[in-house]
N, C-alpha and C. Protein backbone atom coordinates (compact mmCIF):
# COMPACT_ATOMS: atom_id res chain seq x y z
N MET A 1 65.49 7.37 127.90
CA MET A 1 66.70 8.16 128.06
C MET A 1 67.65 7.43 129.01
N ILE A 2 68.92 7.39 128.63
CA ILE A 2 69.90 6.69 129.45
C ILE A 2 70.65 7.68 130.34
N THR A 3 71.14 7.16 131.44
CA THR A 3 71.96 7.96 132.34
C THR A 3 73.42 7.76 131.95
N VAL A 4 74.08 8.83 131.57
CA VAL A 4 75.48 8.76 131.14
C VAL A 4 76.37 9.10 132.33
N THR A 5 77.35 8.23 132.58
CA THR A 5 78.33 8.46 133.63
C THR A 5 79.71 8.46 132.99
N ARG A 6 80.72 8.64 133.81
CA ARG A 6 82.10 8.64 133.29
C ARG A 6 82.47 7.31 132.65
N SER A 7 81.90 6.23 133.14
CA SER A 7 82.26 4.92 132.60
C SER A 7 81.33 4.49 131.46
N THR A 8 80.39 5.35 131.07
CA THR A 8 79.51 5.01 129.95
C THR A 8 80.26 5.18 128.64
N GLU A 9 80.21 4.13 127.84
CA GLU A 9 80.86 4.16 126.54
C GLU A 9 79.81 3.85 125.48
N ARG A 10 80.03 4.34 124.27
CA ARG A 10 79.14 4.09 123.15
C ARG A 10 79.92 3.38 122.05
N LEU A 11 79.36 2.27 121.57
CA LEU A 11 79.96 1.57 120.44
C LEU A 11 78.90 1.35 119.37
N LEU A 12 79.36 1.34 118.14
CA LEU A 12 78.48 1.10 117.00
C LEU A 12 79.01 -0.12 116.25
N PHE A 13 78.14 -1.10 116.07
CA PHE A 13 78.51 -2.33 115.36
C PHE A 13 77.73 -2.43 114.06
N ARG A 14 78.42 -2.76 112.98
CA ARG A 14 77.73 -3.10 111.73
C ARG A 14 77.49 -4.60 111.77
N VAL A 15 76.26 -5.00 111.42
CA VAL A 15 75.87 -6.39 111.58
C VAL A 15 75.39 -6.97 110.25
N GLU A 16 75.91 -8.14 109.92
CA GLU A 16 75.49 -8.86 108.72
C GLU A 16 74.41 -9.87 109.10
N GLY A 17 73.36 -9.94 108.29
CA GLY A 17 72.32 -10.94 108.50
C GLY A 17 71.06 -10.40 109.17
N MET A 18 71.09 -9.16 109.62
CA MET A 18 69.91 -8.57 110.24
C MET A 18 69.01 -8.06 109.11
N SER A 19 67.95 -8.79 108.83
CA SER A 19 67.14 -8.47 107.64
C SER A 19 65.66 -8.24 107.92
N CYS A 20 65.22 -8.44 109.17
CA CYS A 20 63.79 -8.29 109.45
C CYS A 20 63.59 -7.78 110.89
N GLU A 21 62.36 -7.46 111.20
CA GLU A 21 62.03 -6.95 112.54
C GLU A 21 62.36 -7.97 113.62
N GLN A 22 62.12 -9.23 113.35
CA GLN A 22 62.42 -10.28 114.32
C GLN A 22 63.93 -10.36 114.60
N CYS A 23 64.74 -10.20 113.54
CA CYS A 23 66.21 -10.18 113.71
C CYS A 23 66.61 -9.02 114.60
N ARG A 24 66.06 -7.87 114.32
CA ARG A 24 66.37 -6.66 115.08
C ARG A 24 66.06 -6.85 116.57
N LYS A 25 64.89 -7.40 116.85
CA LYS A 25 64.48 -7.63 118.24
C LYS A 25 65.37 -8.66 118.93
N LYS A 26 65.74 -9.70 118.18
CA LYS A 26 66.59 -10.77 118.74
C LYS A 26 67.95 -10.21 119.17
N ILE A 27 68.53 -9.36 118.34
CA ILE A 27 69.83 -8.76 118.67
C ILE A 27 69.69 -7.83 119.87
N GLU A 28 68.67 -6.98 119.87
CA GLU A 28 68.47 -6.07 121.00
C GLU A 28 68.30 -6.83 122.31
N MET A 29 67.52 -7.90 122.28
CA MET A 29 67.30 -8.70 123.50
C MET A 29 68.61 -9.32 123.98
N ALA A 30 69.41 -9.86 123.07
CA ALA A 30 70.67 -10.50 123.44
C ALA A 30 71.64 -9.50 124.07
N VAL A 31 71.75 -8.33 123.48
CA VAL A 31 72.69 -7.33 123.98
C VAL A 31 72.17 -6.70 125.27
N ASN A 32 70.89 -6.36 125.31
CA ASN A 32 70.32 -5.74 126.51
C ASN A 32 70.34 -6.67 127.72
N ALA A 33 70.45 -7.97 127.49
CA ALA A 33 70.49 -8.94 128.60
C ALA A 33 71.84 -8.94 129.34
N LEU A 34 72.87 -8.36 128.74
CA LEU A 34 74.18 -8.35 129.37
C LEU A 34 74.22 -7.35 130.52
N PRO A 35 74.80 -7.76 131.66
CA PRO A 35 74.95 -6.82 132.77
C PRO A 35 75.91 -5.71 132.37
N GLY A 36 75.51 -4.49 132.61
CA GLY A 36 76.34 -3.35 132.24
C GLY A 36 75.86 -2.61 131.01
N VAL A 37 74.95 -3.23 130.25
CA VAL A 37 74.38 -2.54 129.09
C VAL A 37 73.30 -1.58 129.57
N LYS A 38 73.44 -0.33 129.18
CA LYS A 38 72.45 0.67 129.56
C LYS A 38 71.34 0.73 128.51
N GLU A 39 71.73 0.60 127.23
CA GLU A 39 70.75 0.59 126.15
C GLU A 39 71.39 0.09 124.87
N ALA A 40 70.64 -0.71 124.13
CA ALA A 40 71.05 -1.15 122.80
C ALA A 40 69.95 -0.76 121.83
N ARG A 41 70.33 -0.12 120.76
CA ARG A 41 69.38 0.31 119.72
C ARG A 41 69.84 -0.29 118.40
N THR A 42 68.91 -0.81 117.65
CA THR A 42 69.25 -1.37 116.35
C THR A 42 68.61 -0.54 115.24
N SER A 43 69.27 -0.50 114.10
CA SER A 43 68.74 0.14 112.90
C SER A 43 68.72 -0.91 111.80
N LEU A 44 67.52 -1.30 111.43
CA LEU A 44 67.37 -2.30 110.38
C LEU A 44 67.84 -1.75 109.04
N ASP A 45 67.54 -0.48 108.77
CA ASP A 45 67.94 0.15 107.50
C ASP A 45 69.46 0.22 107.35
N LYS A 46 70.14 0.59 108.43
CA LYS A 46 71.59 0.75 108.38
C LYS A 46 72.33 -0.53 108.73
N LYS A 47 71.60 -1.54 109.25
CA LYS A 47 72.23 -2.80 109.69
C LYS A 47 73.27 -2.53 110.78
N GLU A 48 72.86 -1.70 111.76
CA GLU A 48 73.77 -1.30 112.84
C GLU A 48 73.13 -1.52 114.21
N VAL A 49 74.01 -1.72 115.18
CA VAL A 49 73.60 -1.79 116.58
C VAL A 49 74.41 -0.74 117.34
N GLU A 50 73.73 0.15 118.02
CA GLU A 50 74.37 1.16 118.85
C GLU A 50 74.18 0.75 120.30
N VAL A 51 75.29 0.67 121.03
CA VAL A 51 75.23 0.19 122.41
C VAL A 51 75.85 1.22 123.35
N PHE A 52 75.12 1.54 124.42
CA PHE A 52 75.63 2.36 125.51
C PHE A 52 75.82 1.41 126.69
N PHE A 53 77.03 1.38 127.25
CA PHE A 53 77.32 0.40 128.29
C PHE A 53 78.34 0.93 129.28
N ASP A 54 78.41 0.26 130.41
CA ASP A 54 79.36 0.60 131.47
C ASP A 54 80.67 -0.12 131.14
N SER A 55 81.66 0.66 130.72
CA SER A 55 82.94 0.07 130.30
C SER A 55 83.72 -0.53 131.47
N GLY A 56 83.30 -0.25 132.69
CA GLY A 56 83.92 -0.87 133.86
C GLY A 56 83.40 -2.27 134.12
N ARG A 57 82.28 -2.62 133.49
CA ARG A 57 81.66 -3.93 133.71
C ARG A 57 81.67 -4.83 132.48
N LEU A 58 81.92 -4.25 131.31
CA LEU A 58 81.74 -4.99 130.07
C LEU A 58 82.79 -4.56 129.05
N ARG A 59 83.20 -5.52 128.22
CA ARG A 59 84.18 -5.22 127.17
C ARG A 59 83.53 -5.40 125.79
N ARG A 60 84.15 -4.80 124.81
CA ARG A 60 83.66 -4.89 123.42
C ARG A 60 83.48 -6.34 122.98
N GLU A 61 84.42 -7.18 123.35
CA GLU A 61 84.37 -8.59 122.94
C GLU A 61 83.11 -9.28 123.45
N GLU A 62 82.68 -8.92 124.65
CA GLU A 62 81.47 -9.52 125.22
C GLU A 62 80.22 -9.08 124.46
N LEU A 63 80.22 -7.84 124.01
CA LEU A 63 79.10 -7.34 123.21
C LEU A 63 79.05 -8.05 121.86
N GLU A 64 80.22 -8.19 121.24
CA GLU A 64 80.30 -8.90 119.96
C GLU A 64 79.84 -10.34 120.12
N LYS A 65 80.24 -10.98 121.21
CA LYS A 65 79.86 -12.37 121.46
C LYS A 65 78.34 -12.51 121.60
N ALA A 66 77.68 -11.54 122.21
CA ALA A 66 76.22 -11.57 122.34
C ALA A 66 75.56 -11.49 120.96
N ILE A 67 76.11 -10.66 120.09
CA ILE A 67 75.55 -10.51 118.73
C ILE A 67 75.78 -11.79 117.92
N THR A 68 77.00 -12.32 117.97
CA THR A 68 77.28 -13.55 117.22
C THR A 68 76.53 -14.74 117.82
N GLY A 69 76.37 -14.74 119.13
CA GLY A 69 75.61 -15.80 119.79
C GLY A 69 74.14 -15.81 119.39
N ALA A 70 73.64 -14.65 118.99
CA ALA A 70 72.25 -14.55 118.52
C ALA A 70 72.12 -14.98 117.06
N GLY A 71 73.28 -15.26 116.41
CA GLY A 71 73.26 -15.79 115.06
C GLY A 71 73.63 -14.81 113.97
N TYR A 72 74.29 -13.73 114.32
CA TYR A 72 74.63 -12.69 113.35
C TYR A 72 76.12 -12.43 113.35
N LYS A 73 76.61 -11.83 112.28
CA LYS A 73 78.04 -11.56 112.12
C LYS A 73 78.32 -10.08 112.32
N VAL A 74 79.31 -9.78 113.17
CA VAL A 74 79.75 -8.40 113.37
C VAL A 74 80.81 -8.09 112.32
N LEU A 75 80.60 -7.02 111.55
CA LEU A 75 81.54 -6.63 110.51
C LEU A 75 82.54 -5.63 111.07
N ASP A 76 83.74 -5.60 110.50
CA ASP A 76 84.79 -4.65 110.93
C ASP A 76 84.45 -3.24 110.54
């Protein structure tokens, strides 16, 4: 369970290329490693990443960069 504060924001990313359990774990590890991320959850079936983060410490672009840096494409 995450602690939600005023600066906690939730974003949902659709991800291309996430096709197996290893992919799912790789994305979660990359996103959860960022300072300010409270929790990242992936759905292999939906090809989505749900991220709860401190919007005072992190921007959307940094989250996208973590996903693309892990080798996956963020869809619009």
